[in-house]
Amino acid sequence: MNEPKKTNYLFIINDAPYGNERPYNALRLAMNLVKYPENEVHIFLIGDGVNCAIARQKTPEGYYNVERMVKSIARRGKVAT
């Protein structure tokens, strides 16, 4: 029996976590993709994007905590800075 083909996804995040919605949207999509075993998800943080992985960050009111999102993806995918 053939195993399902793996699909690789690479997200490159280079924007600060709370300056705009791009990092949040990338992480939200990655969190959904990593749920499926046939997907392999990689997150590469560069430039201001490395701030997404700062521990114990203070989340501005009305924003999601991107640190928790990165940790969730790291448990099932791969995150590099």
Protein backbone atom coordinates (compact mmCIF):
# COMPACT_ATOMS: atom_id res chain seq x y z
CA MET A 1 0.00 0.00 0.00
CA ASN A 2 1.31 3.46 -0.85
CA GLU A 3 1.83 5.95 1.95
CA PRO A 4 0.37 9.41 1.42
CA LYS A 5 2.88 11.80 -0.10
CA LYS A 6 4.25 14.39 2.32
CA THR A 7 3.69 18.01 1.46
CA ASN A 8 6.31 20.47 2.70
CA TYR A 9 5.43 24.01 3.70
CA LEU A 10 7.94 26.73 4.53
CA PHE A 11 6.88 29.98 6.15
CA ILE A 12 9.44 32.79 6.30
CA ILE A 13 8.39 35.40 8.83
CA ASN A 14 10.38 38.64 8.85
CA ASP A 15 7.87 41.10 10.35
CA ALA A 16 7.50 42.04 14.02
CA PRO A 17 4.75 40.07 15.74
CA TYR A 18 2.42 42.92 16.64
CA GLY A 19 3.12 45.58 14.00
CA ASN A 20 0.77 44.04 11.45
CA GLU A 21 -1.19 40.85 10.88
CA ARG A 22 1.22 39.05 8.52
CA PRO A 23 3.06 37.03 11.21
CA TYR A 24 -0.22 36.15 12.92
CA ASN A 25 -1.82 35.02 9.65
CA ALA A 26 1.23 32.92 8.70
CA LEU A 27 1.27 31.26 12.11
CA ARG A 28 -2.46 30.67 12.06
CA LEU A 29 -2.20 28.90 8.70
CA ALA A 30 0.84 26.90 9.85
CA MET A 31 -1.01 25.79 13.00
CA ASN A 32 -3.81 24.38 10.87
CA LEU A 33 -1.47 22.67 8.39
CA VAL A 34 0.64 21.00 11.08
CA LYS A 35 -2.44 19.15 12.38
CA TYR A 36 -2.28 16.75 9.43
CA PRO A 37 0.46 14.07 9.43
CA GLU A 38 0.89 14.29 5.65
CA ASN A 39 2.08 17.90 6.03
CA GLU A 40 5.57 18.90 7.08
CA VAL A 41 5.67 22.50 8.30
CA HIS A 42 8.79 24.61 8.73
CA ILE A 43 8.85 28.14 10.16
CA PHE A 44 11.90 30.34 9.59
CA LEU A 45 12.06 33.51 11.66
CA ILE A 46 14.38 36.24 10.39
CA GLY A 47 14.86 39.94 11.09
CA ASP A 48 12.05 41.36 13.22
CA GLY A 49 10.29 37.99 12.93
CA VAL A 50 12.55 36.48 15.62
CA ASN A 51 10.57 38.58 18.11
CA CYS A 52 7.71 36.14 17.57
CA ALA A 53 9.64 33.57 19.64
CA ILE A 54 10.54 35.76 22.63
CA ALA A 55 9.57 34.02 25.86
CA ARG A 56 7.08 35.60 28.28
CA GLN A 57 6.24 38.44 25.92
CA LYS A 58 3.59 40.95 26.94
CA THR A 59 0.82 40.72 24.38
CA PRO A 60 -0.84 44.01 23.48
CA GLU A 61 -4.56 44.15 24.25
CA GLY A 62 -6.65 42.72 21.45
CA TYR A 63 -3.84 40.58 19.95
CA TYR A 64 -3.19 36.85 20.03
CA ASN A 65 -0.03 35.68 21.78
CA VAL A 66 2.26 34.67 18.92
CA GLU A 67 4.78 33.11 21.32
CA ARG A 68 2.18 30.45 22.19
CA MET A 69 1.44 29.94 18.51
CA VAL A 70 5.15 29.38 17.74
CA LYS A 71 5.44 26.90 20.63
CA SER A 72 2.43 24.98 19.39
CA ILE A 73 3.90 24.67 15.90
CA ALA A 74 7.35 23.77 17.28
CA ARG A 75 5.87 20.77 19.08
CA ARG A 76 4.72 19.27 15.77
CA GLY A 77 6.75 21.10 13.13
CA LYS A 78 10.11 22.83 12.93
CA VAL A 79 10.98 26.40 13.86
CA ALA A 80 14.34 28.01 13.11
CA THR A 81 15.78 31.46 13.74
